[in-house]
């Protein structure tokens, strides 16, 4: 996931990633030292590329290899 926020000097923050069920999607929450949610922005596409190029932010970039119609690890 790719996100940005404006930190306060001297404050601590925690980014929490949540995956619900058996999915390649995740959600993120950033909280401060008081466990309060901090506003942040996320671009549409992640800064991480995958096997198929750019991926949507919050979507898994991995995939099962496909050799001649046989899918491994799927």
Protein backbone atom coordinates (compact mmCIF):
# COMPACT_ATOMS: atom_id res chain seq x y z
CA UNK A 1 0.00 0.00 0.00
CA UNK A 2 1.11 3.52 -0.70
CA UNK A 3 -0.13 6.39 1.48
CA UNK A 4 0.94 9.83 2.70
CA UNK A 5 0.06 11.90 5.75
CA UNK A 6 1.38 14.95 7.60
CA UNK A 7 3.09 13.89 10.85
CA UNK A 8 3.35 16.14 13.89
CA UNK A 9 6.89 16.71 15.26
CA UNK A 10 7.71 14.30 18.10
CA UNK A 11 4.55 12.21 17.63
CA UNK A 12 4.50 8.47 17.04
CA UNK A 13 2.29 6.70 14.52
CA UNK A 14 1.32 3.17 13.66
CA UNK A 15 0.13 1.92 10.28
CA UNK A 16 -2.20 -1.07 10.54
CA UNK A 17 -2.92 -3.31 7.59
CA UNK A 18 -6.04 -5.46 7.59
CA UNK A 19 -6.79 -8.41 5.36
CA UNK A 20 -10.33 -9.72 5.55
CA UNK A 21 -10.81 -13.37 4.69
CA UNK A 22 -8.98 -15.10 1.87
CA UNK A 23 -8.41 -12.13 -0.41
CA UNK A 24 -5.65 -10.28 -2.23
CA UNK A 25 -7.05 -6.93 -1.01
CA UNK A 26 -6.14 -5.08 2.16
CA UNK A 27 -7.12 -1.95 4.06
CA UNK A 28 -4.93 0.44 6.02
CA UNK A 29 -5.50 2.69 9.02
CA UNK A 30 -2.91 5.08 10.49
CA UNK A 31 -3.30 5.90 14.19
CA UNK A 32 -1.44 8.26 16.50
CA UNK A 33 -0.09 7.56 20.01
CA UNK A 34 -3.61 8.07 21.42
CA UNK A 35 -4.98 5.37 19.07
CA UNK A 36 -6.91 7.98 17.08
CA UNK A 37 -7.19 7.65 13.30
CA UNK A 38 -5.03 10.08 11.34
CA UNK A 39 -6.22 11.38 7.96
CA UNK A 40 -4.15 10.19 5.01
CA UNK A 41 -4.36 10.04 1.24
CA UNK A 42 -3.75 7.13 -1.08
CA UNK A 43 -3.02 7.35 -4.79
CA UNK A 44 -5.06 5.13 -7.11
CA UNK A 45 -2.01 3.04 -7.98
CA UNK A 46 0.63 1.67 -5.63
CA UNK A 47 4.29 2.63 -5.93
CA UNK A 48 5.09 -1.11 -6.09
CA UNK A 49 4.96 -2.74 -9.47
CA UNK A 50 3.94 -6.33 -9.94
CA UNK A 51 4.29 -9.05 -12.50
CA UNK A 52 1.74 -7.26 -14.69
CA UNK A 53 3.00 -3.69 -14.16
CA UNK A 54 1.39 -1.11 -11.86
CA UNK A 55 -1.24 -2.38 -9.43
CA UNK A 56 -4.20 -0.65 -7.84
CA UNK A 57 -3.44 0.55 -4.33
CA UNK A 58 -4.58 -2.02 -1.77
CA UNK A 59 -4.64 -4.91 -4.24
CA UNK A 60 -2.19 -7.81 -4.13
CA UNK A 61 0.57 -7.60 -6.71
CA UNK A 62 1.36 -11.28 -6.65
CA UNK A 63 0.01 -13.98 -8.87
CA UNK A 64 0.32 -17.70 -9.41
CA UNK A 65 2.58 -18.69 -12.28
CA UNK A 66 0.79 -20.13 -15.29
CA UNK A 67 2.79 -22.55 -17.44
CA UNK A 68 0.94 -23.92 -20.44
CA UNK A 69 -2.49 -23.65 -18.83
CA UNK A 70 -1.38 -25.22 -15.53
CA UNK A 71 -1.61 -22.83 -12.58
CA UNK A 72 0.78 -23.45 -9.70
CA UNK A 73 0.12 -22.27 -6.17
CA UNK A 74 -3.43 -21.12 -6.97
